[in-house]
Amino acid sequence: METKKSTRTTDVDVGNIEEQASAPVFDLPELAPPVLMVPQPAPTLVPSELPDRVDPFAYSDVKTVVRMPNGFQCSVKFDAWDDYRTFLACADDIEAHGRAIYAECKSGKRGPTPDYLPTQAELRDAAQARIARELRRANSEVTKYQDRVDVDEASDADVAQVKAWKKYRVNLNRVPEQAHFPHPIVWPVAPDDVSTALVSA
């Protein structure tokens, strides 16, 4: 079976094509040749004057000074802040401003300096912390000497030490039973510090 190709003719406007082909071509205007610029030296930058460094710990006032066991607690008006800041000034402060504030407080320049009186709760907490610390030490010593007794390798001195540390441990546990606990307290003397008399705190 033969397949016939059908051909289709399109009417083309030949005159229009010729007109477009003969359209005028626009010429670009004459441009001046490029001018080579002589390189200019870079501008010299003159550094501006840096402002003086502001000391962040400069202060103008110290008030409400109270003598603490480890220094002076006070309110300091640092120039960098709008309000007063609570500050603990110590003699061995690593910062110069801390040592300077301590020296001022100690000299009395900022007025009379009362001693800090801890509250009953603070005294109780401090006493309980000391009891716990000493009990840990006593337990360690008892264990050390008791082990020697348990394996029959204890000397008479070891037996005496285990007994002394156990007695010290008993006395530590009785401290809160004292009539005026937490102030004053009569502390038991540890066996390794028998040269120290009873200390009242």
N, C-alpha and C. Protein backbone atom coordinates (compact mmCIF):
# COMPACT_ATOMS: atom_id res chain seq x y z
N MET A 1 0.85 -1.17 0.00
CA MET A 1 0.00 0.00 0.00
C MET A 1 0.89 1.23 0.00
N GLU A 2 0.61 2.12 -0.85
CA GLU A 2 1.43 3.32 -1.00
C GLU A 2 0.89 4.44 -0.14
N THR A 3 1.85 5.15 0.47
CA THR A 3 1.44 6.33 1.26
C THR A 3 1.83 7.55 0.48
N LYS A 4 0.88 8.42 0.30
CA LYS A 4 1.16 9.64 -0.47
C LYS A 4 1.44 10.76 0.49
N LYS A 5 2.52 11.49 0.20
CA LYS A 5 2.84 12.66 1.00
C LYS A 5 2.05 13.83 0.47
N SER A 6 1.46 14.50 1.43
CA SER A 6 0.74 15.69 1.00
C SER A 6 1.63 16.89 1.20
N THR A 7 1.73 17.73 0.26
CA THR A 7 2.56 18.93 0.36
C THR A 7 1.65 20.12 0.46
N ARG A 8 2.06 21.05 1.34
CA ARG A 8 1.24 22.24 1.55
C ARG A 8 2.10 23.45 1.28
N THR A 9 1.61 24.29 0.50
CA THR A 9 2.38 25.49 0.17
C THR A 9 1.90 26.63 1.03
N THR A 10 2.84 27.45 1.46
CA THR A 10 2.52 28.61 2.29
C THR A 10 2.80 29.84 1.46
N ASP A 11 1.88 30.76 1.49
CA ASP A 11 2.10 31.99 0.74
C ASP A 11 3.10 32.85 1.49
N VAL A 12 4.19 33.21 0.85
CA VAL A 12 5.25 34.01 1.44
C VAL A 12 5.29 35.34 0.73
N ASP A 13 5.34 36.41 1.50
CA ASP A 13 5.43 37.74 0.91
C ASP A 13 6.88 38.04 0.61
N VAL A 14 7.26 37.82 -0.60
CA VAL A 14 8.66 37.98 -1.01
C VAL A 14 9.08 39.41 -0.92
N GLY A 15 8.19 40.31 -1.21
CA GLY A 15 8.54 41.73 -1.15
C GLY A 15 8.91 42.18 0.25
N ASN A 16 8.21 41.63 1.21
CA ASN A 16 8.49 41.99 2.60
C ASN A 16 9.88 41.54 3.00
N ILE A 17 10.29 40.37 2.57
CA ILE A 17 11.63 39.86 2.90
C ILE A 17 12.68 40.76 2.27
N GLU A 18 12.45 41.15 1.02
CA GLU A 18 13.43 42.00 0.35
C GLU A 18 13.52 43.35 1.03
N GLU A 19 12.35 43.83 1.53
CA GLU A 19 12.36 45.14 2.20
C GLU A 19 13.17 45.08 3.49
N GLN A 20 13.00 43.96 4.22
CA GLN A 20 13.76 43.82 5.47
C GLN A 20 15.25 43.67 5.19
N ALA A 21 15.58 43.00 4.12
CA ALA A 21 16.99 42.80 3.79
C ALA A 21 17.65 44.10 3.40
N SER A 22 16.88 45.04 2.81
CA SER A 22 17.47 46.30 2.37
C SER A 22 17.34 47.40 3.40
N ALA A 23 16.94 47.05 4.67
CA ALA A 23 16.79 48.07 5.71
C ALA A 23 18.16 48.66 6.04
N PRO A 24 18.21 49.97 6.34
CA PRO A 24 19.51 50.60 6.61
C PRO A 24 20.12 50.08 7.92
N VAL A 25 21.43 50.02 7.96
CA VAL A 25 22.17 49.60 9.15
C VAL A 25 22.68 50.84 9.84
N PHE A 26 22.41 50.94 11.13
CA PHE A 26 22.84 52.13 11.89
C PHE A 26 24.29 51.97 12.29
N ASP A 27 25.08 52.99 12.07
CA ASP A 27 26.48 52.99 12.46
C ASP A 27 26.62 53.55 13.86
N LEU A 28 27.52 52.98 14.65
CA LEU A 28 27.81 53.48 15.99
C LEU A 28 28.62 54.76 15.89
N PRO A 29 28.40 55.70 16.82
CA PRO A 29 29.18 56.95 16.74
C PRO A 29 30.65 56.67 17.02
N GLU A 30 31.46 57.56 16.49
CA GLU A 30 32.90 57.44 16.71
C GLU A 30 33.19 57.73 18.18
N LEU A 31 33.88 56.82 18.86
CA LEU A 31 34.24 57.01 20.26
C LEU A 31 35.70 57.38 20.37
N ALA A 32 35.98 58.24 21.35
CA ALA A 32 37.38 58.64 21.56
C ALA A 32 38.16 57.44 22.06
N PRO A 33 39.41 57.37 21.68
CA PRO A 33 40.22 56.25 22.16
C PRO A 33 40.36 56.30 23.68
N PRO A 34 40.48 55.16 24.33
CA PRO A 34 40.60 55.18 25.80
C PRO A 34 41.85 55.90 26.27
N VAL A 35 41.67 56.63 27.36
CA VAL A 35 42.79 57.38 27.93
C VAL A 35 43.35 56.57 29.09
N LEU A 36 44.64 56.32 29.05
CA LEU A 36 45.28 55.58 30.14
C LEU A 36 45.51 56.53 31.31
N MET A 37 44.97 56.12 32.49
CA MET A 37 45.09 56.95 33.68
C MET A 37 46.42 56.66 34.38
N VAL A 38 47.04 57.71 34.80
CA VAL A 38 48.27 57.55 35.58
C VAL A 38 47.87 57.08 36.97
N PRO A 39 48.46 55.98 37.48
CA PRO A 39 48.05 55.50 38.82
C PRO A 39 48.33 56.54 39.89
N GLN A 40 47.34 56.73 40.73
CA GLN A 40 47.45 57.70 41.82
C GLN A 40 47.95 56.99 43.08
N PRO A 41 48.77 57.68 43.86
CA PRO A 41 49.22 57.05 45.12
C PRO A 41 48.03 56.89 46.08
N ALA A 42 48.09 55.80 46.85
CA ALA A 42 47.03 55.54 47.82
C ALA A 42 47.02 56.64 48.88
N PRO A 43 45.84 57.04 49.31
CA PRO A 43 45.80 58.10 50.33
C PRO A 43 46.42 57.63 51.64
N THR A 44 47.11 58.51 52.28
CA THR A 44 47.74 58.19 53.56
C THR A 44 46.70 58.32 54.66
N LEU A 45 46.49 57.21 55.38
CA LEU A 45 45.51 57.21 56.46
C LEU A 45 46.20 57.60 57.76
N VAL A 46 45.71 58.65 58.34
CA VAL A 46 46.27 59.10 59.61
C VAL A 46 45.38 58.55 60.71
N PRO A 47 45.93 57.66 61.58
CA PRO A 47 45.08 57.09 62.65
C PRO A 47 44.59 58.19 63.58
N SER A 48 43.33 58.07 63.92
CA SER A 48 42.77 59.05 64.86
C SER A 48 43.26 58.74 66.26
N GLU A 49 43.17 59.72 67.11
CA GLU A 49 43.60 59.55 68.49
C GLU A 49 42.67 58.58 69.20
N LEU A 50 43.25 57.54 69.81
CA LEU A 50 42.44 56.58 70.56
C LEU A 50 42.05 57.19 71.89
N PRO A 51 40.80 57.00 72.31
CA PRO A 51 40.41 57.56 73.61
C PRO A 51 41.13 56.84 74.74
N ASP A 52 41.31 57.56 75.80
CA ASP A 52 41.95 56.95 76.98
C ASP A 52 41.10 55.77 77.43
N ARG A 53 41.80 54.69 77.82
CA ARG A 53 41.10 53.49 78.27
C ARG A 53 40.39 53.77 79.59
N VAL A 54 39.12 53.42 79.63
CA VAL A 54 38.32 53.64 80.83
C VAL A 54 38.50 52.44 81.76
N ASP A 55 38.82 52.73 83.01
CA ASP A 55 38.99 51.66 84.00
C ASP A 55 37.60 51.16 84.41
N PRO A 56 37.25 49.89 84.09
CA PRO A 56 35.91 49.41 84.43
C PRO A 56 35.68 49.26 85.93
N PHE A 57 36.76 49.32 86.73
CA PHE A 57 36.62 49.14 88.17
C PHE A 57 36.90 50.43 88.94
N ALA A 58 36.89 51.55 88.22
CA ALA A 58 37.02 52.83 88.93
C ALA A 58 35.76 53.03 89.77
N TYR A 59 35.91 53.55 90.97
CA TYR A 59 34.75 53.72 91.86
C TYR A 59 34.80 55.09 92.50
N SER A 60 33.63 55.55 92.92
CA SER A 60 33.55 56.90 93.49
C SER A 60 33.08 56.91 94.94
N ASP A 61 32.50 55.80 95.41
CA ASP A 61 31.99 55.82 96.78
C ASP A 61 31.96 54.40 97.34
N VAL A 62 32.16 54.30 98.65
CA VAL A 62 32.06 53.04 99.39
C VAL A 62 31.26 53.33 100.65
N LYS A 63 30.24 52.50 100.92
CA LYS A 63 29.42 52.74 102.11
C LYS A 63 28.97 51.41 102.71
N THR A 64 28.29 51.51 103.84
CA THR A 64 27.77 50.36 104.61
C THR A 64 28.83 49.27 104.75
N VAL A 65 29.95 49.64 105.33
CA VAL A 65 31.07 48.72 105.51
C VAL A 65 30.84 47.87 106.76
N VAL A 66 31.01 46.56 106.62
CA VAL A 66 30.87 45.62 107.75
C VAL A 66 32.08 44.70 107.74
N ARG A 67 32.70 44.53 108.91
CA ARG A 67 33.87 43.64 109.01
C ARG A 67 33.40 42.19 109.04
N MET A 68 33.93 41.40 108.08
CA MET A 68 33.61 39.98 107.99
C MET A 68 34.86 39.18 108.40
N PRO A 69 34.71 37.88 108.64
CA PRO A 69 35.89 37.08 108.99
C PRO A 69 36.96 37.09 107.90
N ASN A 70 36.57 37.25 106.64
CA ASN A 70 37.53 37.18 105.54
C ASN A 70 37.71 38.50 104.80
N GLY A 71 37.29 39.62 105.40
CA GLY A 71 37.48 40.91 104.74
C GLY A 71 36.41 41.89 105.15
N PHE A 72 36.12 42.84 104.25
CA PHE A 72 35.10 43.85 104.51
C PHE A 72 34.01 43.75 103.44
N GLN A 73 32.78 43.57 103.88
CA GLN A 73 31.67 43.60 102.93
C GLN A 73 31.14 45.03 102.89
N CYS A 74 30.93 45.56 101.69
CA CYS A 74 30.51 46.94 101.56
C CYS A 74 29.72 47.12 100.28
N SER A 75 29.14 48.32 100.13
CA SER A 75 28.46 48.69 98.89
C SER A 75 29.35 49.68 98.16
N VAL A 76 29.67 49.38 96.92
CA VAL A 76 30.61 50.20 96.15
C VAL A 76 29.89 50.77 94.94
N LYS A 77 30.10 52.08 94.70
CA LYS A 77 29.55 52.73 93.50
C LYS A 77 30.64 52.74 92.44
N PHE A 78 30.63 51.73 91.57
CA PHE A 78 31.56 51.69 90.45
C PHE A 78 31.05 52.63 89.36
N ASP A 79 31.97 53.32 88.70
CA ASP A 79 31.58 54.29 87.67
C ASP A 79 30.88 53.62 86.50
N ALA A 80 31.15 52.35 86.25
CA ALA A 80 30.58 51.65 85.10
C ALA A 80 29.12 51.26 85.31
N TRP A 81 28.62 51.32 86.55
CA TRP A 81 27.24 50.93 86.83
C TRP A 81 26.48 52.10 87.43
N ASP A 82 25.18 52.06 87.27
CA ASP A 82 24.35 53.15 87.78
C ASP A 82 24.07 53.04 89.27
N ASP A 83 24.08 51.81 89.79
CA ASP A 83 23.73 51.63 91.19
C ASP A 83 24.90 51.02 91.97
N TYR A 84 24.75 50.95 93.28
CA TYR A 84 25.78 50.38 94.14
C TYR A 84 25.80 48.86 94.00
N ARG A 85 26.98 48.28 94.11
CA ARG A 85 27.15 46.83 94.04
C ARG A 85 27.73 46.32 95.36
N THR A 86 27.21 45.19 95.83
CA THR A 86 27.76 44.56 97.04
C THR A 86 29.12 43.98 96.70
N PHE A 87 30.10 44.25 97.54
CA PHE A 87 31.49 43.86 97.24
C PHE A 87 32.16 43.37 98.51
N LEU A 88 32.95 42.29 98.39
CA LEU A 88 33.75 41.79 99.51
C LEU A 88 35.21 42.12 99.22
N ALA A 89 35.75 43.05 99.99
CA ALA A 89 37.13 43.48 99.79
C ALA A 89 38.05 42.67 100.70
N CYS A 90 39.08 42.07 100.10
CA CYS A 90 40.02 41.22 100.84
C CYS A 90 41.42 41.81 100.76
N ALA A 91 42.22 41.53 101.79
CA ALA A 91 43.58 42.05 101.82
C ALA A 91 44.43 41.47 100.71
N ASP A 92 44.19 40.21 100.34
CA ASP A 92 45.00 39.55 99.31
C ASP A 92 44.26 39.43 97.99
N ASP A 93 43.35 40.39 97.72
CA ASP A 93 42.59 40.37 96.46
C ASP A 93 43.58 40.43 95.29
N ILE A 94 43.31 39.65 94.23
CA ILE A 94 44.21 39.66 93.07
C ILE A 94 44.06 40.94 92.25
N GLU A 95 42.95 41.65 92.43
CA GLU A 95 42.73 42.90 91.70
C GLU A 95 43.12 44.09 92.55
N ALA A 96 43.71 45.10 91.90
CA ALA A 96 44.19 46.29 92.62
C ALA A 96 43.04 47.04 93.28
N HIS A 97 41.88 47.12 92.60
CA HIS A 97 40.76 47.88 93.18
C HIS A 97 40.25 47.20 94.46
N GLY A 98 40.30 45.86 94.50
CA GLY A 98 39.87 45.15 95.69
C GLY A 98 40.77 45.45 96.89
N ARG A 99 42.08 45.46 96.63
CA ARG A 99 43.02 45.79 97.72
C ARG A 99 42.88 47.24 98.16
N ALA A 100 42.59 48.14 97.20
CA ALA A 100 42.44 49.56 97.53
C ALA A 100 41.19 49.77 98.40
N ILE A 101 40.09 49.11 98.04
CA ILE A 101 38.87 49.25 98.83
C ILE A 101 39.08 48.67 100.23
N TYR A 102 39.80 47.54 100.31
CA TYR A 102 40.10 46.94 101.61
C TYR A 102 40.89 47.92 102.48
N ALA A 103 41.90 48.55 101.87
CA ALA A 103 42.74 49.50 102.63
C ALA A 103 41.91 50.67 103.13
N GLU A 104 40.99 51.16 102.32
CA GLU A 104 40.13 52.28 102.74
C GLU A 104 39.24 51.86 103.90
N CYS A 105 38.65 50.68 103.79
CA CYS A 105 37.76 50.21 104.86
C CYS A 105 38.53 49.99 106.16
N LYS A 106 39.71 49.43 106.04
CA LYS A 106 40.51 49.14 107.24
C LYS A 106 40.98 50.42 107.92
N SER A 107 41.28 51.45 107.13
CA SER A 107 41.79 52.70 107.69
C SER A 107 40.72 53.50 108.43
N GLY A 108 39.45 53.15 108.24
CA GLY A 108 38.38 53.89 108.88
C GLY A 108 37.97 55.12 108.09
N LYS A 109 38.51 55.28 106.90
CA LYS A 109 38.20 56.44 106.06
C LYS A 109 36.71 56.50 105.73
N ARG A 110 36.07 55.35 105.65
CA ARG A 110 34.65 55.28 105.29
C ARG A 110 33.74 55.23 106.51
N GLY A 111 34.27 55.60 107.66
CA GLY A 111 33.45 55.65 108.86
C GLY A 111 33.64 54.42 109.73
N PRO A 112 32.90 54.36 110.84
CA PRO A 112 33.03 53.22 111.76
C PRO A 112 32.63 51.92 111.09
N THR A 113 33.33 50.86 111.47
CA THR A 113 33.11 49.56 110.84
C THR A 113 32.64 48.55 111.88
N PRO A 114 31.35 48.24 111.89
CA PRO A 114 30.88 47.24 112.87
C PRO A 114 31.28 45.84 112.43
N ASP A 115 31.39 44.94 113.40
CA ASP A 115 31.65 43.53 113.10
C ASP A 115 30.34 42.86 112.71
N TYR A 116 30.45 41.92 111.79
CA TYR A 116 29.26 41.19 111.37
C TYR A 116 28.89 40.17 112.44
N LEU A 117 27.63 40.14 112.83
CA LEU A 117 27.15 39.18 113.81
C LEU A 117 26.28 38.17 113.07
N PRO A 118 26.73 36.93 112.97
CA PRO A 118 25.95 35.92 112.24
C PRO A 118 24.65 35.60 112.96
N THR A 119 23.67 35.19 112.18
CA THR A 119 22.39 34.78 112.76
C THR A 119 22.52 33.40 113.39
N GLN A 120 21.51 33.03 114.17
CA GLN A 120 21.50 31.69 114.78
C GLN A 120 21.52 30.61 113.70
N ALA A 121 20.80 30.84 112.62
CA ALA A 121 20.76 29.84 111.54
C ALA A 121 22.14 29.68 110.90
N GLU A 122 22.84 30.79 110.71
CA GLU A 122 24.19 30.71 110.13
C GLU A 122 25.15 29.99 111.07
N LEU A 123 25.04 30.29 112.37
CA LEU A 123 25.89 29.62 113.35
C LEU A 123 25.60 28.11 113.37
N ARG A 124 24.32 27.76 113.29
CA ARG A 124 23.94 26.34 113.30
C ARG A 124 24.49 25.63 112.05
N ASP A 125 24.34 26.27 110.90
CA ASP A 125 24.84 25.67 109.66
C ASP A 125 26.35 25.48 109.70
N ALA A 126 27.06 26.49 110.23
CA ALA A 126 28.51 26.39 110.31
C ALA A 126 28.93 25.28 111.27
N ALA A 127 28.21 25.15 112.40
CA ALA A 127 28.52 24.10 113.37
C ALA A 127 28.25 22.71 112.78
N GLN A 128 27.12 22.56 112.09
CA GLN A 128 26.80 21.27 111.47
C GLN A 128 27.83 20.90 110.40
N ALA A 129 28.30 21.90 109.65
CA ALA A 129 29.31 21.63 108.62
C ALA A 129 30.62 21.17 109.27
N ARG A 130 30.98 21.81 110.39
CA ARG A 130 32.22 21.40 111.07
C ARG A 130 32.07 20.00 111.67
N ILE A 131 30.91 19.70 112.23
CA ILE A 131 30.68 18.37 112.78
C ILE A 131 30.80 17.31 111.69
N ALA A 132 30.17 17.57 110.55
CA ALA A 132 30.22 16.61 109.43
C ALA A 132 31.65 16.41 108.94
N ARG A 133 32.39 17.51 108.85
CA ARG A 133 33.79 17.43 108.39
C ARG A 133 34.64 16.61 109.36
N GLU A 134 34.47 16.85 110.66
CA GLU A 134 35.25 16.13 111.66
C GLU A 134 34.83 14.67 111.76
N LEU A 135 33.54 14.39 111.55
CA LEU A 135 33.09 13.00 111.57
C LEU A 135 33.71 12.21 110.41
N ARG A 136 33.82 12.82 109.25
CA ARG A 136 34.47 12.14 108.12
C ARG A 136 35.92 11.81 108.45
N ARG A 137 36.60 12.75 109.08
CA ARG A 137 37.99 12.51 109.47
C ARG A 137 38.08 11.42 110.53
N ALA A 138 37.18 11.44 111.50
CA ALA A 138 37.19 10.43 112.57
C ALA A 138 36.90 9.05 111.99
N ASN A 139 35.93 8.97 111.08
CA ASN A 139 35.60 7.68 110.46
C ASN A 139 36.80 7.10 109.73
N SER A 140 37.54 7.95 109.04
CA SER A 140 38.72 7.49 108.31
C SER A 140 39.77 6.93 109.27
N GLU A 141 39.99 7.63 110.38
CA GLU A 141 40.98 7.19 111.35
C GLU A 141 40.54 5.90 112.05
N VAL A 142 39.28 5.80 112.40
CA VAL A 142 38.76 4.58 113.04
C VAL A 142 38.96 3.39 112.12
N THR A 143 38.61 3.56 110.85
CA THR A 143 38.77 2.47 109.88
C THR A 143 40.22 2.02 109.79
N LYS A 144 41.13 3.00 109.73
CA LYS A 144 42.55 2.68 109.60
C LYS A 144 43.04 1.82 110.77
N TYR A 145 42.72 2.24 112.00
CA TYR A 145 43.20 1.49 113.16
C TYR A 145 42.37 0.23 113.42
N GLN A 146 41.07 0.26 113.13
CA GLN A 146 40.22 -0.89 113.36
C GLN A 146 40.63 -2.06 112.48
N ASP A 147 41.06 -1.77 111.25
CA ASP A 147 41.51 -2.84 110.35
C ASP A 147 42.70 -3.59 110.95
N ARG A 148 43.59 -2.87 111.59
CA ARG A 148 44.75 -3.52 112.22
C ARG A 148 44.30 -4.42 113.38
N VAL A 149 43.31 -3.92 114.14
CA VAL A 149 42.79 -4.72 115.26
C VAL A 149 42.10 -5.97 114.74
N ASP A 150 41.32 -5.83 113.66
CA ASP A 150 40.53 -6.95 113.14
C ASP A 150 41.40 -8.09 112.62
N VAL A 151 42.58 -7.78 112.14
CA VAL A 151 43.44 -8.84 111.60
C VAL A 151 44.55 -9.22 112.57
N ASP A 152 44.39 -8.83 113.82
CA ASP A 152 45.35 -9.17 114.89
C ASP A 152 46.76 -8.68 114.58
N GLU A 153 46.85 -7.48 113.98
CA GLU A 153 48.17 -6.89 113.73
C GLU A 153 48.30 -5.53 114.38
N ALA A 154 47.48 -5.29 115.40
CA ALA A 154 47.49 -3.98 116.04
C ALA A 154 48.44 -3.98 117.23
N SER A 155 49.15 -2.87 117.35
CA SER A 155 49.99 -2.67 118.54
C SER A 155 49.12 -2.08 119.64
N ASP A 156 49.69 -1.96 120.83
CA ASP A 156 48.94 -1.34 121.92
C ASP A 156 48.57 0.11 121.57
N ALA A 157 49.47 0.79 120.84
CA ALA A 157 49.20 2.17 120.42
C ALA A 157 48.03 2.22 119.44
N ASP A 158 47.96 1.22 118.54
CA ASP A 158 46.85 1.17 117.58
C ASP A 158 45.51 0.97 118.29
N VAL A 159 45.50 0.09 119.29
CA VAL A 159 44.27 -0.15 120.05
C VAL A 159 43.84 1.12 120.77
N ALA A 160 44.83 1.82 121.35
CA ALA A 160 44.52 3.07 122.05
C ALA A 160 43.98 4.12 121.07
N GLN A 161 44.53 4.16 119.85
CA GLN A 161 44.09 5.14 118.85
C GLN A 161 42.66 4.87 118.38
N VAL A 162 42.34 3.60 118.14
CA VAL A 162 40.99 3.30 117.68
C VAL A 162 39.97 3.65 118.76
N LYS A 163 40.32 3.43 119.99
CA LYS A 163 39.43 3.77 121.08
C LYS A 163 39.27 5.30 121.21
N ALA A 164 40.38 6.02 121.07
CA ALA A 164 40.35 7.48 121.20
C ALA A 164 39.52 8.11 120.07
N TRP A 165 39.69 7.61 118.84
CA TRP A 165 38.94 8.17 117.71
C TRP A 165 37.46 7.84 117.82
N LYS A 166 37.12 6.67 118.34
CA LYS A 166 35.71 6.33 118.53
C LYS A 166 35.08 7.22 119.60
N LYS A 167 35.84 7.51 120.65
CA LYS A 167 35.33 8.40 121.70
C LYS A 167 35.14 9.81 121.14
N TYR A 168 36.08 10.24 120.31
CA TYR A 168 35.97 11.56 119.67
C TYR A 168 34.71 11.62 118.80
N ARG A 169 34.45 10.55 118.08
CA ARG A 169 33.28 10.47 117.22
C ARG A 169 31.99 10.56 118.05
N VAL A 170 31.95 9.89 119.19
CA VAL A 170 30.79 9.95 120.08
C VAL A 170 30.58 11.39 120.57
N ASN A 171 31.67 12.05 120.97
CA ASN A 171 31.57 13.42 121.48
C ASN A 171 31.12 14.41 120.40
N LEU A 172 31.55 14.17 119.16
CA LEU A 172 31.10 15.03 118.06
C LEU A 172 29.58 14.93 117.88
N ASN A 173 29.07 13.72 117.96
CA ASN A 173 27.63 13.52 117.80
C ASN A 173 26.83 14.13 118.94
N ARG A 174 27.50 14.39 120.07
CA ARG A 174 26.80 14.98 121.22
C ARG A 174 26.85 16.51 121.21
N VAL A 175 27.61 17.10 120.29
CA VAL A 175 27.74 18.56 120.27
C VAL A 175 26.38 19.26 120.16
N PRO A 176 25.47 18.83 119.27
CA PRO A 176 24.18 19.54 119.18
C PRO A 176 23.33 19.43 120.44
N GLU A 177 23.70 18.53 121.36
CA GLU A 177 22.94 18.37 122.59
C GLU A 177 23.36 19.37 123.66
N GLN A 178 24.41 20.16 123.40
CA GLN A 178 24.87 21.13 124.39
C GLN A 178 23.80 22.18 124.62
N ALA A 179 23.75 22.69 125.84
CA ALA A 179 22.65 23.57 126.27
C ALA A 179 22.52 24.82 125.41
N HIS A 180 23.63 25.42 125.01
CA HIS A 180 23.58 26.70 124.29
C HIS A 180 23.89 26.56 122.80
N PHE A 181 23.80 25.34 122.29
CA PHE A 181 24.06 25.13 120.85
C PHE A 181 23.13 26.03 120.03
N PRO A 182 23.56 26.73 119.02
CA PRO A 182 24.89 26.65 118.39
C PRO A 182 25.90 27.69 118.88
N HIS A 183 25.59 28.42 119.97
CA HIS A 183 26.58 29.40 120.43
C HIS A 183 26.39 29.62 121.92
N PRO A 184 27.44 29.44 122.72
CA PRO A 184 28.78 28.94 122.35
C PRO A 184 28.79 27.41 122.30
N ILE A 185 29.87 26.89 121.72
CA ILE A 185 30.04 25.44 121.60
C ILE A 185 31.38 25.07 122.22
N VAL A 186 31.38 24.02 123.03
CA VAL A 186 32.63 23.45 123.53
C VAL A 186 32.94 22.25 122.64
N TRP A 187 33.99 22.39 121.84
CA TRP A 187 34.32 21.35 120.87
C TRP A 187 35.23 20.29 121.49
N PRO A 188 34.98 19.02 121.22
CA PRO A 188 35.90 17.97 121.71
C PRO A 188 37.24 18.08 120.97
N VAL A 189 38.28 17.62 121.63
CA VAL A 189 39.62 17.70 121.05
C VAL A 189 39.92 16.39 120.33
N ALA A 190 40.38 16.50 119.11
CA ALA A 190 40.71 15.32 118.31
C ALA A 190 41.95 14.64 118.89
N PRO A 191 42.05 13.30 118.78
CA PRO A 191 43.21 12.59 119.32
C PRO A 191 44.55 13.03 118.73
N ASP A 192 44.54 13.54 117.49
CA ASP A 192 45.81 13.99 116.91
C ASP A 192 46.09 15.45 117.21
N ASP A 193 45.27 16.06 118.11
CA ASP A 193 45.47 17.45 118.47
C ASP A 193 45.30 17.62 119.97
N VAL A 194 45.86 16.70 120.72
CA VAL A 194 45.66 16.71 122.18
C VAL A 194 46.35 17.88 122.85
N SER A 195 47.25 18.55 122.13
CA SER A 195 47.95 19.68 122.73
C SER A 195 47.07 20.92 122.77
N THR A 196 45.93 20.90 122.05
CA THR A 196 45.05 22.06 122.00
C THR A 196 43.99 21.94 123.06
N ALA A 197 43.77 23.00 123.78
CA ALA A 197 42.73 22.99 124.81
C ALA A 197 41.36 23.04 124.17
N LEU A 198 40.34 22.82 124.99
CA LEU A 198 38.98 22.90 124.48
C LEU A 198 38.73 24.29 123.92
N VAL A 199 38.12 24.34 122.75
CA VAL A 199 37.90 25.61 122.08
C VAL A 199 36.44 25.99 122.18
N SER A 200 36.18 27.19 122.62
CA SER A 200 34.80 27.70 122.64
C SER A 200 34.59 28.54 121.41
N ALA A 201 33.52 28.29 120.70
CA ALA A 201 33.23 29.05 119.49
C ALA A 201 31.90 29.75 119.64
